[in-house]
Protein backbone atom coordinates (compact mmCIF):
# COMPACT_ATOMS: atom_id res chain seq x y z
CA MET A 1 -2.68 18.24 -8.42
CA ARG A 2 -0.43 18.68 -5.47
CA ASP A 3 2.96 17.08 -4.98
CA ARG A 4 2.68 16.76 -1.23
CA TRP A 5 -0.29 15.30 0.78
CA SER A 6 -2.25 17.42 3.30
CA PRO A 7 -5.87 17.14 4.42
CA VAL A 8 -8.28 19.97 3.74
CA PRO A 9 -7.98 23.07 5.99
CA SER A 10 -9.97 22.65 9.25
CA TRP A 11 -9.72 18.80 8.88
CA ARG A 12 -9.92 18.29 12.55
CA ARG A 13 -13.68 19.22 12.55
CA TYR A 14 -14.47 15.98 10.67
CA LEU A 15 -13.03 14.04 13.56
CA ARG A 16 -14.88 15.84 16.34
CA VAL A 17 -18.32 14.32 16.04
CA GLY A 18 -18.23 11.57 18.58
CA GLN A 19 -18.85 7.90 17.84
CA ALA A 20 -16.65 6.08 15.27
CA GLU A 21 -19.75 5.56 12.95
CA GLU A 22 -20.45 9.25 13.02
CA ILE A 23 -16.85 10.15 12.16
CA LEU A 24 -16.92 7.59 9.32
CA ARG A 25 -20.09 9.37 7.96
CA GLN A 26 -18.00 12.59 7.96
CA ILE A 27 -14.83 11.37 6.39
CA ILE A 28 -16.13 8.91 3.67
CA PRO A 29 -17.98 11.35 1.45
CA GLY A 30 -15.64 13.48 -0.52
CA ASP A 31 -12.59 12.18 1.33
CA PRO A 32 -11.86 15.45 3.18
CA LEU A 33 -8.75 13.96 4.80
CA ARG A 34 -7.51 13.14 1.31
CA LEU A 35 -6.71 9.54 2.38
CA ARG A 36 -6.71 8.11 -1.22
CA PHE A 37 -3.78 10.49 -2.12
CA LEU A 38 -1.99 9.74 1.14
CA ALA A 39 -2.57 5.96 0.68
CA ALA A 40 -1.07 5.94 -2.81
CA ALA A 41 1.98 7.94 -1.74
CA ARG A 42 2.64 5.77 1.35
CA ILE A 43 2.08 2.61 -0.51
CA THR A 44 4.62 3.65 -3.14
CA ALA A 45 7.06 4.85 -0.47
CA ALA A 46 6.81 1.51 1.27
CA ALA A 47 7.23 -0.34 -2.07
CA ARG A 48 4.10 -2.47 -1.48
CA LEU A 49 1.69 -4.05 -4.00
CA LEU A 50 -1.73 -3.40 -2.38
CA ASP A 51 -5.27 -2.41 -3.26
CA VAL A 52 -5.49 1.33 -2.41
CA ASP A 53 -9.12 1.04 -1.70
CA ARG A 54 -8.54 -1.68 0.82
CA VAL A 55 -5.92 0.30 2.48
CA VAL A 56 -8.20 3.45 2.52
CA VAL A 57 -11.01 1.64 4.15
CA ARG A 58 -8.74 0.12 6.85
CA ALA A 59 -7.22 3.64 7.43
CA MET A 60 -10.79 5.19 7.78
CA ALA A 61 -11.69 2.59 10.29
CA ARG A 62 -8.53 3.16 12.27
CA ILE A 63 -8.82 6.91 12.14
CA SER A 64 -12.52 6.97 13.10
CA HIS A 65 -11.99 4.66 16.09
CA GLY A 66 -8.91 6.51 17.26
CA ALA A 67 -10.56 9.89 17.03
CA ALA A 68 -13.67 8.45 18.80
CA LEU A 69 -11.61 7.25 21.65
CA LEU A 70 -8.90 10.01 21.94
CA GLY A 71 -10.40 13.06 20.18
CA PRO A 72 -9.02 14.88 17.10
CA PRO A 73 -5.24 14.45 16.87
CA SER A 74 -3.03 17.46 17.35
CA SER A 75 -1.06 17.03 14.07
CA GLU A 76 -1.38 15.57 10.60
CA GLN A 77 1.40 13.22 11.46
CA TRP A 78 -1.05 11.19 13.39
CA LEU A 79 -2.98 10.52 10.13
CA VAL A 80 0.21 9.49 8.42
CA GLU A 81 1.04 7.11 11.20
CA GLU A 82 -2.56 5.58 11.08
CA MET A 83 -2.10 5.20 7.24
CA ASP A 84 1.21 3.38 7.70
CA GLN A 85 -0.38 1.05 10.21
CA ALA A 86 -3.32 0.45 7.91
CA ILE A 87 -0.90 -0.46 5.23
CA GLU A 88 0.85 -2.98 7.60
CA ASP A 89 -2.50 -4.23 8.67
CA VAL A 90 -3.44 -5.09 5.04
CA VAL A 91 -0.08 -6.68 4.46
CA GLU A 92 -0.47 -8.85 7.43
CA ASP A 93 -3.90 -9.88 6.36
CA GLY A 94 -2.39 -11.20 3.13
CA LEU A 95 -5.14 -13.18 1.32
CA VAL A 96 -7.47 -13.25 4.39
CA GLY A 97 -10.62 -11.29 3.36
CA ALA A 98 -9.07 -10.31 0.02
CA ASP A 99 -11.43 -10.26 -2.80
CA VAL A 100 -9.44 -12.31 -5.44
CA SER A 101 -11.35 -10.49 -8.25
CA CYS A 102 -10.73 -6.90 -7.01
CA SER A 103 -10.00 -4.12 -9.56
CA PHE A 104 -6.32 -3.91 -8.30
CA LEU A 105 -5.66 -7.35 -9.48
CA ASP A 106 -7.63 -6.71 -12.73
CA ALA A 107 -5.25 -3.85 -13.43
CA LEU A 108 -2.20 -5.90 -12.61
CA ALA A 109 -3.36 -8.87 -14.61
CA GLN A 110 -3.80 -7.00 -17.86
CA GLY A 111 -1.72 -8.62 -20.43
CA ALA A 112 -0.56 -11.30 -18.04
CA GLU A 113 -1.74 -14.91 -18.49
CA VAL A 114 -1.92 -15.58 -14.71
CA LYS A 115 -5.19 -16.33 -12.74
CA HIS A 116 -6.22 -13.84 -10.10
CA GLU A 117 -5.54 -16.19 -7.19
CA ALA A 118 -1.96 -16.85 -8.42
CA LEU A 119 -1.41 -13.07 -8.88
CA ALA A 120 -2.77 -12.36 -5.41
CA ARG A 121 -0.40 -14.92 -3.85
CA SER A 122 2.40 -13.31 -5.83
CA CYS A 123 1.59 -9.92 -4.48
CA VAL A 124 1.55 -11.48 -0.92
CA ALA A 125 5.01 -13.01 -1.64
CA PHE A 126 6.29 -9.66 -2.82
CA ASN A 127 4.94 -7.78 0.22
CA ARG A 128 6.61 -10.23 2.62
CA ARG A 129 10.09 -9.56 1.26
CA SER A 130 12.46 -7.14 3.04
CA ARG A 131 12.14 -3.44 2.21
CA ASP A 132 15.42 -3.40 0.51
CA GLU A 133 14.38 -6.16 -1.80
CA ARG A 134 11.02 -4.64 -2.52
CA VAL A 135 12.59 -1.30 -3.32
CA ALA A 136 15.09 -2.89 -5.70
CA PHE A 137 12.39 -4.81 -7.52
CA TRP A 138 10.17 -1.71 -7.63
CA SER A 139 13.03 0.40 -9.06
CA LEU A 140 14.20 -2.06 -11.67
CA MET A 141 11.04 -3.85 -12.74
CA LEU A 142 8.04 -1.55 -11.97
CA ALA A 143 9.69 1.92 -12.41
CA ALA A 144 12.00 0.58 -15.17
CA GLU A 145 14.85 2.64 -13.80
CA PRO A 146 18.26 1.81 -15.38
CA LEU A 147 20.34 -0.46 -13.19
CA ASP A 148 23.30 1.91 -12.87
CA GLU A 149 21.13 4.85 -11.90
CA ALA A 150 19.10 2.82 -9.43
CA SER A 151 22.27 1.38 -7.80
CA ARG A 152 23.74 4.80 -7.41
CA ARG A 153 20.56 6.19 -5.95
CA HIS A 154 20.19 3.33 -3.39
CA GLY A 155 23.88 3.33 -2.59
CA VAL A 156 24.52 -0.33 -3.55
CA SER A 157 26.41 -2.09 -6.25
CA PRO A 158 24.49 -2.93 -9.48
CA THR A 159 25.11 -6.68 -8.66
CA GLU A 160 23.64 -6.35 -5.25
CA LEU A 161 20.56 -4.43 -6.45
CA ALA A 162 20.00 -7.03 -9.23
CA GLN A 163 20.35 -9.85 -6.80
CA ARG A 164 17.73 -8.19 -4.39
CA SER A 165 15.38 -7.81 -7.30
CA LYS A 166 15.92 -11.38 -8.41
CA ARG A 167 15.16 -12.73 -4.89
CA VAL A 168 11.73 -10.94 -5.03
CA LEU A 169 11.03 -12.18 -8.59
CA SER A 170 11.88 -15.81 -7.47
CA ALA A 171 9.59 -15.57 -4.40
CA MET A 172 6.77 -14.34 -6.57
CA LEU A 173 7.28 -16.98 -9.25
CA ARG A 174 7.38 -19.68 -6.42
CA ALA A 175 4.13 -18.35 -5.01
CA VAL A 176 2.44 -18.58 -8.50
CA ALA A 177 3.81 -22.08 -9.04
CA GLU A 178 2.69 -23.27 -5.54
CA SER A 179 -0.82 -21.89 -6.10
CA GLY A 180 -1.32 -24.35 -8.88
CA ALA A 181 -3.36 -21.61 -10.64
CA ALA A 182 -0.84 -20.34 -13.21
């Protein structure tokens, strides 16, 4: 597997077919734009807790509509920007339209004794925190990076990094408690 994302060679040809629906029929089978890989990389870089499938579907819709209106983009950077906007669209949607029993939450819930609705609300609370706080939590809690190493890498004191992570955890726990579904 590659370390860096790029679509297949001649990727623009998939975006030249005309109407958005036709473009979708070109980019869904086989994922020639390699949007799943891009989504996973961009979600991780943004320190977000999101369902990759939901983000990919949103990105495909944005890309197909944009290409239908404007024609194929001149660079791969446009695809990255559309993916980043799809991520923000899904974050803004929060629970609206979210399937509380999605596979993403199933994977997160393994071993946890929290109902899916509470876990979904917890993810929304996480995603609403500042990027600095999300990155701190991601580094310390999800990536299990040692505090001293993470604080050096992020250029903040261990105390500040721990406090950022604690604010995220507190927000997530409040969301679980407020849902009444714990």
